[in-house]
Amino acid sequence: VSENERKNQVGLALKRLQTDMLLLDKAAGARPRISSTSLIVLSATVLVAGASPFLFTEKIIEVLVPSMSALSAAIGLSAEYTGKVEVARGKEIAALTLQAASESEAFLAQAERVKTVVPLCVGISTTFSAFALLVPDFVSEMSSGIADQAITEIYLVCPLFAVLGAAVASLATQESIALASSAIGVGARRFASSETVGRSWLSSTEQIERSSSRTQGKWLSFVLSVLPAPLLGVVYPAPLSFKAIVAAASAAAQAAYSLARVEYTIARAADAVALKSRTAAISDTYANQGARAGAILPFTSAISGLCAALTVAVVEFLPLVETTVLQSLGSCLFPAVGALVAAAASVCMARCEVDAAAVNAAASQIASSSDDDLTEISPVRSVLELVRLILRPPYAKALALFRRLRWQLLPSRARVALAEDELRYRFELIDINGDGRISGDEVKEVILRLGLSDRRTRRVLRDAAQVTSTDGSLSFERFRKLMNKEWDQHGPPTELLGTTRVRREPVTKITNRVAV
């Protein structure tokens, strides 16, 4: 893949990500609507303010109309309060998710730092196991000038360092696995619901028991990594030189096993941390979306308050207006504007609530990223999937080659029968309404998919145009006779069996049917 193609792929992936986020924004913003209660109250304030000049005296109007405008402003202020509370709640939850993701990344970094000792120990154990193979030759060359006690010590040097490397690798593996498990378990309890929090809750005594068990397991692993190699060398019936080789090789194998264990756990932890970071990013995105929706709430409250103040001023000038209709219009003007602004504030409040609920739902996903719930995260399964992707192209090529060979080995009549079966299958794919007839354009589409050469395709299309009905359609029987005429003269194309569909009839069954 060239550099430009790689950049295009990355750009396309980023555009898809932006599109997905826009879809999330639209889905979250389309749901909230003003509640029926708020709508009734705001409508009532406008109606009462407009009807006051017709129903009440001036003294009552001076109190009632400003009261209606103040009620609308109060609804807007309550919407601002509720919306800002939801925004603050969403931001707080998002901050906690980001903190949990950061903590899990810190544990993972510590686990990887401790893990770096394990490959070094594997290299040491492997190197000394290789040196153990050279020690017998060295001793045989220098045996004349070395005492027997010194020869024994020389034989034991390589197994000793190999066993020490395996022991240190085991200790580092246990420590790294503990840190990786902590990275996986971050947030499992703090974001768990009340129904599932008991799964991660431990009493003080249980915590002490678990800590003691971990310590015992660490030293038990150290013992098990030190003793097997020397014991195997002792019980193996061979000279001391070969016993040393067996012990060193066993220690190197133990160190390699520790490396495989720690890499497996680190891979699971890295996947879990990536899920936590992605969940935290989604939660923070919804929190920012809620903050964006709630940013207009103070402005709506200010407009509602201004409308309430202007209503008080307008009421003072109502006695100067001669007609009752103009008084009604003046009375309901600013209360109506305040009601509309309060309704807009209620919609913003509802969006803030939806975004806060989305933040909460996203944050709860961190609780499902604990060690017990990560059964689908398997490095072994991922490796097998990669192997399957690697083997898929050669498998497809081998399957196509097998089909071509099978086609060549079939008798001519069996080829025609098999080709007719494939022809009927492709005809039925095009014949959507199932009436057994296809149009001229559909005939062309079927013929182009049969794998014929350009010259044969033109010839078949010309013959098909001559046998089509007056309405331009063609039945399967006519189409089959047309193709049989072509196949009798030139044979069915080999590419006809290049599809990947499952055959409805085995080749042997078709061959037997032709023979009968």
Protein backbone atom coordinates (compact mmCIF):
# COMPACT_ATOMS: atom_id res chain seq x y z
CA VAL A 1 0.00 0.00 0.00
CA SER A 2 1.43 3.36 -1.05
CA GLU A 3 1.69 6.35 1.24
CA ASN A 4 -1.10 8.21 -0.56
CA GLU A 5 -3.44 5.23 -0.35
CA ARG A 6 -2.68 4.88 3.36
CA LYS A 7 -3.45 8.57 3.92
CA ASN A 8 -6.70 8.21 1.98
CA GLN A 9 -7.70 5.25 4.12
CA VAL A 10 -6.96 7.16 7.33
CA GLY A 11 -8.89 10.18 6.06
CA LEU A 12 -11.86 7.99 5.15
CA ALA A 13 -11.80 6.40 8.60
CA LEU A 14 -11.79 9.84 10.25
CA LYS A 15 -14.71 10.98 8.11
CA ARG A 16 -16.66 7.88 9.11
CA LEU A 17 -15.91 8.61 12.77
CA GLN A 18 -17.15 12.18 12.39
CA THR A 19 -20.28 10.93 10.64
CA ASP A 20 -20.94 8.50 13.48
CA MET A 21 -20.59 11.24 16.06
CA LEU A 22 -22.99 13.46 14.09
CA LEU A 23 -25.49 10.61 14.04
CA LEU A 24 -25.13 10.30 17.81
CA ASP A 25 -25.72 14.03 18.20
CA LYS A 26 -28.84 13.90 16.03
CA ALA A 27 -30.17 10.85 17.86
CA ALA A 28 -29.69 12.52 21.23
CA GLY A 29 -31.07 15.87 20.09
CA ALA A 30 -34.14 14.52 18.32
CA ARG A 31 -35.66 12.79 21.33
CA PRO A 32 -36.28 15.63 23.84
CA ARG A 33 -39.52 17.60 23.58
CA ILE A 34 -41.21 20.10 25.85
CA SER A 35 -43.32 18.38 28.48
CA SER A 36 -47.11 18.60 28.33
CA THR A 37 -47.27 20.25 31.76
CA SER A 38 -44.92 23.05 30.77
CA LEU A 39 -46.78 23.55 27.51
CA ILE A 40 -50.14 23.84 29.31
CA VAL A 41 -48.82 26.30 31.89
CA LEU A 42 -47.08 28.52 29.32
CA SER A 43 -50.13 28.54 27.08
CA ALA A 44 -52.31 29.44 30.06
CA THR A 45 -50.11 32.41 30.97
CA VAL A 46 -50.46 33.87 27.47
CA LEU A 47 -54.23 33.28 27.36
CA VAL A 48 -54.82 34.77 30.80
CA ALA A 49 -52.68 37.83 29.99
CA GLY A 50 -54.50 38.35 26.70
CA ALA A 51 -57.96 37.92 28.18
CA SER A 52 -57.38 40.12 31.23
CA PRO A 53 -58.47 43.44 29.59
CA PHE A 54 -61.79 41.83 28.65
CA LEU A 55 -62.47 40.22 32.03
CA PHE A 56 -60.88 42.25 34.83
CA THR A 57 -60.47 45.76 36.07
CA GLU A 58 -57.32 47.84 35.77
CA LYS A 59 -56.24 47.11 39.34
CA ILE A 60 -56.42 43.36 38.76
CA ILE A 61 -54.70 43.67 35.38
CA GLU A 62 -51.76 45.51 36.98
CA VAL A 63 -51.20 42.49 39.20
CA LEU A 64 -52.34 39.58 37.04
CA VAL A 65 -50.50 40.29 33.75
CA PRO A 66 -47.05 40.80 35.35
CA SER A 67 -47.72 37.69 37.42
CA MET A 68 -48.29 35.63 34.25
CA SER A 69 -45.06 36.98 32.74
CA ALA A 70 -43.22 36.24 35.98
CA LEU A 71 -44.63 32.69 35.92
CA SER A 72 -43.20 32.16 32.44
CA ALA A 73 -39.88 33.53 33.62
CA ALA A 74 -40.01 31.18 36.62
CA ILE A 75 -40.49 28.20 34.30
CA GLY A 76 -37.48 29.34 32.30
CA LEU A 77 -35.41 29.76 35.47
CA SER A 78 -36.43 26.32 36.72
CA ALA A 79 -35.46 24.87 33.33
CA GLU A 80 -32.07 26.57 33.62
CA TYR A 81 -31.58 25.16 37.12
CA THR A 82 -32.55 21.62 36.12
CA GLY A 83 -30.51 21.75 32.91
CA LYS A 84 -27.41 23.09 34.64
CA VAL A 85 -27.72 20.43 37.34
CA GLU A 86 -27.88 17.73 34.66
CA VAL A 87 -24.90 19.26 32.84
CA ALA A 88 -22.91 19.33 36.06
CA ARG A 89 -23.86 15.73 36.78
CA GLY A 90 -22.83 14.64 33.31
CA LYS A 91 -19.50 16.48 33.53
CA GLU A 92 -18.81 14.96 36.93
CA ILE A 93 -19.55 11.44 35.70
CA ALA A 94 -17.44 12.05 32.60
CA ALA A 95 -14.58 13.27 34.79
CA LEU A 96 -14.84 10.09 36.85
CA THR A 97 -14.74 7.94 33.70
CA LEU A 98 -11.68 9.80 32.45
CA GLN A 99 -10.07 9.36 35.86
CA ALA A 100 -10.83 5.62 35.79
CA ALA A 101 -9.40 5.34 32.30
CA SER A 102 -6.26 7.21 33.40
CA GLU A 103 -5.88 4.96 36.44
CA SER A 104 -6.22 1.83 34.31
CA GLU A 105 -3.62 3.16 31.87
CA ALA A 106 -1.29 3.86 34.80
CA PHE A 107 -1.68 0.29 36.08
CA LEU A 108 -1.11 -1.04 32.58
CA ALA A 109 2.04 1.05 32.21
CA GLN A 110 3.35 -0.31 35.52
CA ALA A 111 2.54 -3.86 34.41
CA GLU A 112 4.41 -3.36 31.15
CA ARG A 113 7.37 -1.86 32.99
CA VAL A 114 7.57 -4.87 35.29
CA LYS A 115 7.10 -7.19 32.31
CA THR A 116 10.27 -5.87 30.65
CA VAL A 117 12.28 -7.98 33.13
CA VAL A 118 10.72 -11.20 31.84
CA PRO A 119 12.21 -11.16 28.28
CA LEU A 120 15.61 -10.39 29.83
CA CYS A 121 15.28 -13.39 32.13
CA VAL A 122 14.21 -15.55 29.20
CA GLY A 123 17.29 -14.44 27.31
CA ILE A 124 19.53 -15.23 30.29
CA SER A 125 18.01 -18.68 30.81
CA THR A 126 18.16 -19.50 27.12
CA THR A 127 21.75 -18.30 26.84
CA PHE A 128 22.96 -20.38 29.78
CA SER A 129 21.02 -23.41 28.54
CA ALA A 130 22.95 -23.03 25.27
CA PHE A 131 26.20 -22.66 27.20
CA ALA A 132 25.34 -25.87 29.04
CA LEU A 133 25.67 -27.69 25.71
CA LEU A 134 29.22 -26.36 25.28
CA VAL A 135 30.43 -27.10 28.81
CA PRO A 136 31.14 -30.84 28.21
CA ASP A 137 33.41 -30.00 25.26
CA PHE A 138 35.14 -27.30 27.28
CA VAL A 139 35.70 -29.67 30.22
CA SER A 140 37.02 -32.41 27.94
CA GLU A 141 39.58 -30.00 26.50
CA MET A 142 40.66 -28.62 29.91
CA SER A 143 40.19 -31.72 32.10
CA SER A 144 43.90 -32.29 32.53
CA GLY A 145 44.41 -29.02 34.38
CA ILE A 146 41.13 -28.84 36.37
CA ALA A 147 40.30 -30.61 39.59
CA ASP A 148 37.23 -32.82 39.88
CA GLN A 149 35.56 -30.45 42.31
CA ALA A 150 36.06 -27.56 39.93
CA ILE A 151 34.62 -29.63 37.05
CA THR A 152 31.46 -30.26 39.06
CA GLU A 153 31.12 -26.57 39.83
CA ILE A 154 31.60 -25.70 36.16
CA TYR A 155 28.79 -28.08 35.22
CA LEU A 156 26.48 -26.48 37.79
CA VAL A 157 27.09 -22.83 36.79
CA CYS A 158 24.85 -22.83 33.70
CA PRO A 159 21.87 -24.58 35.36
CA LEU A 160 22.19 -22.27 38.36
CA PHE A 161 21.93 -19.07 36.34
CA ALA A 162 19.19 -20.55 34.12
CA VAL A 163 17.13 -21.46 37.20
CA LEU A 164 17.68 -18.02 38.73
CA GLY A 165 16.51 -16.42 35.48
CA ALA A 166 13.37 -18.58 35.49
CA ALA A 167 12.69 -17.71 39.15
CA VAL A 168 13.03 -13.96 38.57
CA ALA A 169 10.86 -14.27 35.48
CA SER A 170 8.18 -16.01 37.54
CA LEU A 171 8.21 -13.30 40.20
CA ALA A 172 8.06 -10.54 37.59
CA THR A 173 5.23 -12.40 35.86
CA GLN A 174 3.19 -12.60 39.07
CA GLU A 175 3.72 -8.91 39.79
CA SER A 176 2.87 -7.90 36.22
CA ILE A 177 -0.25 -10.09 36.20
CA ALA A 178 -1.40 -8.49 39.47
CA LEU A 179 -0.96 -5.00 38.02
CA ALA A 180 -2.69 -6.00 34.78
CA SER A 181 -5.62 -7.40 36.77
CA SER A 182 -5.83 -4.09 38.62
CA ALA A 183 -5.92 -2.28 35.27
CA ILE A 184 -8.76 -4.54 34.12
CA GLY A 185 -10.73 -4.13 37.34
CA VAL A 186 -10.56 -0.34 37.61
CA GLY A 187 -14.08 1.05 37.66
CA ALA A 188 -15.76 -2.31 38.09
CA ARG A 189 -17.14 -1.28 41.46
CA ARG A 190 -17.42 2.51 41.32
CA PHE A 191 -19.58 2.36 38.17
CA ALA A 192 -21.53 -0.78 39.04
CA SER A 193 -25.28 -0.59 39.60
CA SER A 194 -26.91 -1.38 42.92
CA GLU A 195 -27.94 -4.81 41.59
CA THR A 196 -24.43 -5.84 40.51
CA VAL A 197 -22.22 -4.03 43.03
CA GLY A 198 -22.23 -7.13 45.26
CA ARG A 199 -20.17 -8.98 42.66
CA SER A 200 -17.19 -6.70 43.27
CA TRP A 201 -17.74 -5.97 46.96
CA LEU A 202 -15.43 -7.61 49.47
CA SER A 203 -15.49 -7.31 53.22
CA SER A 204 -12.37 -6.40 55.18
CA THR A 205 -11.69 -10.01 56.07
CA GLU A 206 -12.12 -11.10 52.46
CA GLN A 207 -9.75 -8.38 51.30
CA ILE A 208 -7.14 -9.55 53.82
CA GLU A 209 -7.62 -13.15 52.71
CA ARG A 210 -7.24 -12.20 49.06
CA SER A 211 -4.09 -10.19 49.77
CA SER A 212 -2.66 -13.10 51.74
CA SER A 213 -3.55 -15.52 48.95
CA ARG A 214 -1.81 -13.33 46.39
CA THR A 215 1.34 -13.20 48.51
CA GLN A 216 1.29 -16.95 49.01
CA GLY A 217 0.69 -17.49 45.31
CA LYS A 218 3.63 -15.28 44.44
CA TRP A 219 6.07 -17.21 46.59
CA LEU A 220 4.55 -20.54 45.59
CA SER A 221 5.16 -19.59 41.98
CA PHE A 222 8.75 -18.72 42.89
CA VAL A 223 9.23 -22.12 44.51
CA LEU A 224 7.65 -23.94 41.60
CA SER A 225 9.92 -22.09 39.19
CA VAL A 226 13.06 -22.96 41.19
CA LEU A 227 12.53 -26.61 42.16
CA PRO A 228 11.32 -28.44 38.98
CA ALA A 229 14.44 -27.88 36.89
CA PRO A 230 16.94 -29.10 39.55
CA LEU A 231 14.68 -32.01 40.52
CA LEU A 232 14.34 -33.05 36.90
CA GLY A 233 18.11 -32.90 36.52
CA VAL A 234 18.61 -34.98 39.65
CA VAL A 235 16.14 -37.74 38.78
CA TYR A 236 17.13 -37.95 35.11
CA PRO A 237 19.31 -41.06 34.61
CA ALA A 238 22.33 -39.59 32.88
CA PRO A 239 25.86 -38.30 33.60
CA LEU A 240 26.31 -34.99 35.36
CA SER A 241 27.04 -33.17 32.12
CA PHE A 242 23.71 -34.23 30.61
CA LYS A 243 21.84 -33.58 33.87
CA ALA A 244 23.10 -30.00 33.74
CA ILE A 245 21.84 -29.66 30.17
CA VAL A 246 18.41 -31.02 31.14
CA ALA A 247 18.14 -28.70 34.15
CA ALA A 248 19.18 -25.63 32.16
CA ALA A 249 16.80 -26.45 29.29
CA SER A 250 13.91 -26.99 31.75
CA ALA A 251 14.60 -23.64 33.39
CA ALA A 252 14.65 -21.93 29.98
CA ALA A 253 11.30 -23.56 29.16
CA GLN A 254 9.85 -22.30 32.47
CA ALA A 255 11.05 -18.79 31.71
CA ALA A 256 9.50 -18.94 28.25
CA TYR A 257 6.23 -20.14 29.77
CA SER A 258 6.27 -17.18 32.18
CA LEU A 259 6.77 -14.85 29.22
CA ALA A 260 3.79 -16.38 27.40
CA ARG A 261 1.61 -16.02 30.53
CA VAL A 262 2.49 -12.39 31.10
CA GLU A 263 2.08 -11.47 27.42
CA TYR A 264 -1.36 -13.09 27.38
CA THR A 265 -2.46 -11.14 30.46
CA ILE A 266 -0.96 -7.89 29.16
CA ALA A 267 -2.84 -8.33 25.90
CA ARG A 268 -6.14 -8.77 27.77
CA ALA A 269 -5.36 -5.77 29.97
CA ALA A 270 -4.47 -3.60 26.96
CA ASP A 271 -7.77 -4.51 25.31
CA ALA A 272 -9.70 -3.75 28.51
CA VAL A 273 -7.91 -0.42 28.98
CA ALA A 274 -8.68 0.49 25.37
CA LEU A 275 -12.36 -0.23 26.01
CA LYS A 276 -12.30 1.93 29.15
CA SER A 277 -10.62 4.79 27.29
CA ARG A 278 -13.13 4.54 24.46
CA THR A 279 -16.02 4.50 26.94
CA ALA A 280 -14.57 7.51 28.76
CA ALA A 281 -14.21 9.37 25.46
CA ILE A 282 -17.83 8.65 24.56
CA SER A 283 -18.97 9.73 28.01
CA ASP A 284 -16.97 12.95 27.77
CA THR A 285 -18.39 13.58 24.29
CA TYR A 286 -21.95 13.38 25.57
CA ALA A 287 -21.04 15.55 28.56
CA ASN A 288 -19.65 18.22 26.26
CA GLN A 289 -22.74 17.93 24.09
CA GLY A 290 -24.90 18.52 27.16
CA ALA A 291 -22.76 21.50 28.15
CA ARG A 292 -23.20 22.87 24.65
CA ALA A 293 -26.97 22.46 24.88
CA GLY A 294 -27.05 24.03 28.34
CA ALA A 295 -24.89 27.03 27.40
CA ILE A 296 -27.96 28.86 26.10
CA LEU A 297 -29.97 28.43 29.29
CA PRO A 298 -28.62 31.55 31.10
CA PHE A 299 -29.43 33.61 28.01
CA THR A 300 -33.02 32.31 27.93
CA SER A 301 -33.40 33.12 31.63
CA ALA A 302 -32.17 36.67 31.03
CA ILE A 303 -34.64 37.11 28.15
CA SER A 304 -37.49 35.77 30.31
CA GLY A 305 -36.59 38.19 33.11
CA LEU A 306 -36.41 41.06 30.62
CA CYS A 307 -39.85 40.18 29.29
CA ALA A 308 -41.24 40.15 32.84
CA ALA A 309 -39.79 43.62 33.50
CA LEU A 310 -41.11 44.99 30.22
CA THR A 311 -44.55 43.57 31.00
CA VAL A 312 -44.66 45.62 34.21
CA ALA A 313 -43.83 48.74 32.20
CA VAL A 314 -46.41 47.96 29.52
CA VAL A 315 -49.17 47.46 32.12
CA GLU A 316 -48.60 51.00 33.39
CA PHE A 317 -49.37 52.37 29.90
CA LEU A 318 -52.47 50.23 29.28
CA PRO A 319 -54.92 52.85 30.64
CA LEU A 320 -53.73 55.22 27.92
CA VAL A 321 -54.83 52.79 25.20
CA GLU A 322 -58.40 53.40 24.09
CA THR A 323 -59.51 50.06 22.61
CA THR A 324 -59.69 46.82 24.57
CA VAL A 325 -58.26 44.83 21.67
CA LEU A 326 -55.04 46.86 21.67
CA GLN A 327 -54.86 46.48 25.46
CA SER A 328 -55.18 42.72 25.06
CA LEU A 329 -52.41 42.68 22.45
CA GLY A 330 -50.17 44.79 24.66
CA SER A 331 -50.89 42.61 27.69
CA CYS A 332 -49.99 39.34 25.98
CA LEU A 333 -47.05 40.56 23.85
CA PHE A 334 -44.19 40.17 26.29
CA PRO A 335 -45.77 37.27 28.22
CA ALA A 336 -45.98 35.43 24.87
CA VAL A 337 -42.33 36.16 24.10
CA GLY A 338 -41.37 35.06 27.60
CA ALA A 339 -43.41 31.88 27.21
CA LEU A 340 -41.70 31.04 23.90
CA VAL A 341 -38.28 31.63 25.44
CA ALA A 342 -39.23 29.52 28.46
CA ALA A 343 -40.39 26.76 26.10
CA ALA A 344 -37.03 26.90 24.34
CA ALA A 345 -35.35 26.66 27.74
CA SER A 346 -37.47 23.59 28.55
CA VAL A 347 -36.33 21.92 25.32
CA CYS A 348 -32.69 22.70 26.18
CA MET A 349 -33.28 21.29 29.64
CA ALA A 350 -34.70 18.08 28.15
CA ARG A 351 -31.66 17.75 25.87
CA CYS A 352 -29.37 18.21 28.85
CA GLU A 353 -31.23 15.43 30.64
CA VAL A 354 -30.90 13.12 27.65
CA ASP A 355 -27.18 13.85 27.34
CA ALA A 356 -26.68 13.26 31.07
CA ALA A 357 -28.51 9.94 30.76
CA ALA A 358 -26.25 9.05 27.83
CA VAL A 359 -23.20 9.91 29.94
CA ASN A 360 -24.48 7.68 32.72
CA ALA A 361 -25.19 4.82 30.30
CA ALA A 362 -21.74 5.12 28.74
CA ALA A 363 -20.06 5.25 32.14
CA SER A 364 -21.86 2.11 33.26
CA GLN A 365 -20.09 0.22 30.48
CA ILE A 366 -16.83 0.57 32.39
CA ALA A 367 -18.28 -1.71 35.06
CA SER A 368 -18.65 -4.44 32.42
CA SER A 369 -14.94 -4.23 31.58
CA SER A 370 -13.94 -6.20 34.66
CA ASP A 371 -11.93 -9.39 34.47
CA ASP A 372 -15.00 -11.62 34.85
CA ASP A 373 -16.86 -9.99 31.96
CA LEU A 374 -14.02 -9.99 29.42
CA THR A 375 -14.54 -13.53 28.14
CA GLU A 376 -14.88 -12.19 24.62
CA ILE A 377 -11.42 -10.56 24.83
CA SER A 378 -9.12 -13.44 24.06
CA PRO A 379 -5.65 -13.01 22.53
CA VAL A 380 -5.81 -16.64 21.38
CA ARG A 381 -9.06 -15.97 19.56
CA SER A 382 -7.58 -12.83 18.01
CA VAL A 383 -4.54 -14.76 16.76
CA LEU A 384 -6.78 -17.46 15.30
CA GLU A 385 -8.83 -14.79 13.54
CA LEU A 386 -5.67 -13.31 12.03
CA VAL A 387 -4.54 -16.75 10.92
CA ARG A 388 -7.94 -17.32 9.34
CA LEU A 389 -7.65 -14.04 7.44
CA ILE A 390 -4.21 -15.05 6.21
CA LEU A 391 -5.37 -18.49 5.05
CA ARG A 392 -8.58 -17.27 3.38
CA PRO A 393 -7.01 -16.15 0.02
CA PRO A 394 -5.00 -19.36 -0.56
CA TYR A 395 -8.02 -21.42 0.48
CA ALA A 396 -10.20 -19.62 -2.04
CA LYS A 397 -7.60 -20.17 -4.76
CA ALA A 398 -7.28 -23.86 -3.88
CA LEU A 399 -11.06 -24.24 -3.92
CA ALA A 400 -11.28 -22.57 -7.33
CA LEU A 401 -8.49 -24.85 -8.65
CA PHE A 402 -10.30 -27.90 -7.29
CA ARG A 403 -13.50 -26.85 -9.02
CA ARG A 404 -11.67 -26.37 -12.32
CA LEU A 405 -10.07 -29.80 -12.05
CA ARG A 406 -13.39 -31.36 -11.16
CA TRP A 407 -14.94 -29.64 -14.16
CA GLN A 408 -12.26 -31.00 -16.47
CA LEU A 409 -12.72 -34.56 -15.18
CA LEU A 410 -16.49 -34.59 -15.70
CA PRO A 411 -17.99 -36.18 -18.85
CA SER A 412 -19.37 -33.80 -21.44
CA ARG A 413 -23.01 -34.65 -20.68
CA ALA A 414 -22.39 -34.17 -16.95
CA ARG A 415 -20.84 -30.78 -17.68
CA VAL A 416 -23.95 -29.73 -19.58
CA ALA A 417 -26.23 -30.96 -16.78
CA LEU A 418 -24.17 -29.16 -14.16
CA ALA A 419 -24.10 -26.02 -16.30
CA GLU A 420 -27.90 -26.15 -16.71
CA ASP A 421 -28.28 -26.41 -12.95
CA GLU A 422 -26.04 -23.36 -12.49
CA LEU A 423 -27.90 -21.57 -15.28
CA ARG A 424 -31.26 -22.17 -13.60
CA TYR A 425 -29.85 -20.89 -10.30
CA ARG A 426 -28.66 -17.65 -11.88
CA PHE A 427 -31.90 -17.28 -13.82
CA GLU A 428 -33.90 -17.57 -10.60
CA LEU A 429 -31.71 -14.92 -8.96
CA ILE A 430 -32.68 -12.45 -11.69
CA ASP A 431 -36.34 -13.57 -11.89
CA ILE A 432 -37.51 -11.67 -8.81
CA ASN A 433 -41.27 -12.07 -9.34
CA GLY A 434 -40.91 -15.82 -10.02
CA ASP A 435 -42.99 -15.93 -13.21
CA GLY A 436 -40.30 -17.82 -15.13
CA ARG A 437 -39.55 -14.92 -17.50
CA ILE A 438 -36.91 -12.20 -17.55
CA SER A 439 -36.58 -9.01 -19.57
CA GLY A 440 -34.07 -8.29 -22.29
CA ASP A 441 -31.81 -6.30 -19.97
CA GLU A 442 -31.93 -9.10 -17.40
CA VAL A 443 -31.05 -11.62 -20.13
CA LYS A 444 -27.96 -9.54 -20.89
CA GLU A 445 -27.07 -9.46 -17.18
CA VAL A 446 -27.31 -13.26 -16.90
CA ILE A 447 -25.23 -13.85 -20.03
CA LEU A 448 -22.52 -11.43 -18.93
CA ARG A 449 -22.16 -13.39 -15.67
CA LEU A 450 -21.68 -16.78 -17.37
CA GLY A 451 -17.94 -16.30 -17.91
CA LEU A 452 -18.10 -16.44 -21.72
CA SER A 453 -15.53 -14.79 -23.93
CA ASP A 454 -16.38 -11.49 -25.59
CA ARG A 455 -17.01 -13.11 -28.98
CA ARG A 456 -19.25 -15.81 -27.51
CA THR A 457 -21.10 -13.24 -25.43
CA ARG A 458 -21.89 -11.13 -28.49
CA ARG A 459 -23.06 -14.22 -30.38
CA VAL A 460 -25.33 -15.36 -27.53
CA LEU A 461 -26.78 -11.89 -27.09
CA ARG A 462 -27.54 -11.70 -30.80
CA ASP A 463 -29.28 -15.09 -30.74
CA ALA A 464 -31.20 -14.14 -27.56
CA ALA A 465 -32.51 -10.99 -29.23
CA GLN A 466 -33.97 -13.15 -32.04
CA VAL A 467 -35.88 -15.55 -29.75
CA THR A 468 -37.32 -13.02 -27.26
CA SER A 469 -41.07 -12.54 -27.17
CA THR A 470 -42.90 -9.51 -28.50
CA ASP A 471 -42.89 -7.99 -25.02
CA GLY A 472 -39.11 -8.32 -24.87
CA SER A 473 -39.10 -11.12 -22.26
CA LEU A 474 -37.56 -14.57 -22.43
CA SER A 475 -38.67 -17.77 -20.69
CA PHE A 476 -36.23 -20.16 -19.05
CA GLU A 477 -36.97 -22.97 -21.52
CA ARG A 478 -36.07 -20.79 -24.49
CA PHE A 479 -33.04 -19.51 -22.67
CA ARG A 480 -31.94 -23.07 -21.81
CA LYS A 481 -32.32 -24.23 -25.43
CA LEU A 482 -30.35 -21.22 -26.57
CA MET A 483 -27.50 -21.98 -24.17
CA ASN A 484 -27.60 -25.73 -24.98
CA LYS A 485 -27.09 -24.88 -28.64
CA GLU A 486 -24.09 -22.75 -27.70
CA TRP A 487 -22.68 -25.43 -25.37
CA ASP A 488 -23.17 -28.24 -27.91
CA GLN A 489 -21.03 -26.32 -30.38
CA HIS A 490 -18.38 -24.83 -28.12
CA GLY A 491 -18.84 -26.47 -24.68
CA PRO A 492 -19.78 -24.87 -21.34
CA PRO A 493 -17.29 -22.31 -19.96
CA THR A 494 -14.98 -23.42 -17.18
CA GLU A 495 -15.65 -20.19 -15.26
CA LEU A 496 -19.29 -21.16 -14.83
CA LEU A 497 -18.46 -22.96 -11.58
CA GLY A 498 -16.38 -20.11 -10.15
CA THR A 499 -19.04 -19.11 -7.65
CA THR A 500 -18.75 -19.64 -3.91
CA ARG A 501 -22.34 -20.76 -3.33
CA VAL A 502 -23.19 -24.20 -1.94
CA ARG A 503 -24.34 -26.57 -4.65
CA ARG A 504 -27.92 -27.78 -4.38
CA GLU A 505 -26.98 -31.13 -5.94
CA PRO A 506 -23.67 -32.95 -5.63
CA VAL A 507 -21.73 -33.57 -8.82
CA THR A 508 -21.97 -37.35 -8.38
CA LYS A 509 -25.76 -37.11 -8.20
CA ILE A 510 -25.89 -35.11 -11.43
CA THR A 511 -23.52 -37.58 -13.11
CA ASN A 512 -25.70 -40.52 -12.05
CA ARG A 513 -28.80 -38.74 -13.32
CA VAL A 514 -27.15 -38.14 -16.73
CA ALA A 515 -26.01 -41.78 -16.89
CA VAL A 516 -29.56 -42.99 -16.24
